[in-house]
Amino acid sequence: MTICYACISTKDWGIQIKGSGSNIYLVSFNERHKFKHRKKDFSCTCPSYRYHFGYCKHIKYVIENYYCGWSETKSPEPLTSREYKCPRCGNDTYSYIPNDDF
């Protein structure tokens, strides 16, 4: 059995981003997005994301500034206090057993 450790940025979340005008858009990372071949991905409430293919500027900003995406698979062993923080960005981490281990 293996255990996967991942940055908290890989869980479901959303953040409000100011648009170029006075609009505020919600950028989310979860299973509700328009790219059906991906399990999780980003989505945005702006018109550009809704009507064009690919990521809008709000999603690109969030990826560059908030999303780390780090994960690592290990054999089960106790974590040291250092390993409770993401080695890439310093955020909290969480662990789970990958589906293929069942």
Protein backbone atom coordinates (compact mmCIF):
# COMPACT_ATOMS: atom_id res chain seq x y z
CA MET A 1 0.00 0.00 0.00
CA THR A 2 1.17 3.53 -0.76
CA ILE A 3 0.07 6.87 0.62
CA CYS A 4 -0.10 10.05 -1.40
CA TYR A 5 0.77 13.36 0.27
CA ALA A 6 -0.39 16.54 -1.45
CA CYS A 7 -0.45 20.30 -1.06
CA ILE A 8 -3.76 21.67 0.22
CA SER A 9 -3.95 23.61 -3.10
CA THR A 10 -4.95 20.34 -4.82
CA LYS A 11 -8.21 20.08 -2.84
CA ASP A 12 -11.44 21.79 -3.91
CA TRP A 13 -11.29 25.56 -3.39
CA GLY A 14 -12.29 28.90 -4.86
CA ILE A 15 -11.05 32.47 -4.72
CA GLN A 16 -12.56 35.78 -5.80
CA ILE A 17 -10.49 37.73 -8.35
CA LYS A 18 -11.11 41.32 -9.44
CA GLY A 19 -11.65 41.73 -13.15
CA SER A 20 -10.32 44.59 -15.27
CA GLY A 21 -13.45 46.64 -14.52
CA SER A 22 -15.49 46.55 -11.35
CA ASN A 23 -16.55 42.90 -11.72
CA ILE A 24 -15.47 40.19 -9.27
CA TYR A 25 -15.09 36.65 -10.62
CA LEU A 26 -14.89 33.33 -8.80
CA VAL A 27 -12.02 31.06 -9.86
CA SER A 28 -12.53 27.50 -8.58
CA PHE A 29 -10.53 24.29 -8.60
CA ASN A 30 -12.84 21.26 -8.41
CA GLU A 31 -14.71 18.67 -10.46
CA ARG A 32 -17.23 21.18 -11.89
CA HIS A 33 -15.53 22.56 -15.01
CA LYS A 34 -15.95 22.40 -18.77
CA PHE A 35 -13.11 19.98 -19.58
CA LYS A 36 -14.88 16.67 -19.02
CA HIS A 37 -11.80 14.51 -19.70
CA ARG A 38 -10.09 15.87 -16.56
CA LYS A 39 -11.06 14.82 -13.05
CA LYS A 40 -10.32 18.23 -11.50
CA ASP A 41 -9.57 21.52 -13.18
CA PHE A 42 -10.04 25.26 -12.91
CA SER A 43 -13.17 27.19 -13.81
CA CYS A 44 -14.06 30.88 -13.75
CA THR A 45 -17.33 32.79 -13.76
CA CYS A 46 -16.09 35.34 -16.33
CA PRO A 47 -17.51 35.45 -19.89
CA SER A 48 -14.12 34.72 -21.46
CA TYR A 49 -13.85 31.33 -19.76
CA ARG A 50 -17.45 30.43 -20.53
CA TYR A 51 -17.29 31.20 -24.27
CA HIS A 52 -13.68 30.51 -25.30
CA PHE A 53 -11.50 27.42 -25.27
CA GLY A 54 -8.76 27.32 -22.63
CA TYR A 55 -7.99 29.29 -19.51
CA CYS A 56 -8.93 32.93 -19.03
CA LYS A 57 -6.55 35.53 -17.57
CA HIS A 58 -8.10 35.12 -14.11
CA ILE A 59 -7.30 31.40 -14.00
CA LYS A 60 -3.77 32.05 -15.28
CA TYR A 61 -3.27 34.60 -12.50
CA VAL A 62 -4.50 32.14 -9.86
CA ILE A 63 -2.24 29.35 -11.18
CA GLU A 64 0.79 31.65 -11.04
CA ASN A 65 0.01 33.05 -7.58
CA TYR A 66 -2.03 30.51 -5.58
CA TYR A 67 -1.87 27.00 -7.02
CA CYS A 68 1.10 24.79 -6.17
CA GLY A 69 -0.10 21.34 -7.24
CA TRP A 70 2.62 19.36 -5.40
CA SER A 71 2.03 15.71 -4.53
CA GLU A 72 4.23 12.75 -3.71
CA THR A 73 3.56 9.05 -3.25
CA LYS A 74 5.41 7.15 -0.51
CA SER A 75 5.24 3.90 1.34
CA PRO A 76 3.43 4.42 4.65
CA GLU A 77 5.68 5.80 7.35
CA PRO A 78 5.21 8.39 10.07
CA LEU A 79 5.50 12.00 8.93
CA THR A 80 8.04 14.31 10.48
CA SER A 81 6.83 17.77 11.49
CA ARG A 82 8.66 19.18 8.44
CA GLU A 83 6.55 17.00 6.12
CA TYR A 84 3.26 18.53 7.29
CA LYS A 85 4.12 21.57 5.13
CA CYS A 86 4.37 21.52 1.35
CA PRO A 87 8.04 21.56 0.32
CA ARG A 88 7.22 23.69 -2.73
CA CYS A 89 5.03 26.49 -1.31
CA GLY A 90 4.86 26.02 2.48
CA ASN A 91 1.08 25.41 2.60
CA ASP A 92 -0.44 22.65 4.72
CA THR A 93 -0.57 19.14 3.27
CA TYR A 94 -3.01 16.24 3.48
CA SER A 95 -2.71 12.52 2.80
CA TYR A 96 -4.90 9.96 1.07
CA ILE A 97 -4.73 6.41 -0.24
CA PRO A 98 -4.83 6.36 -4.07
CA ASN A 99 -7.81 4.51 -5.60
CA ASP A 100 -5.59 1.93 -7.33
CA ASP A 101 -4.50 0.62 -3.90
CA PHE A 102 -7.99 -0.78 -3.12
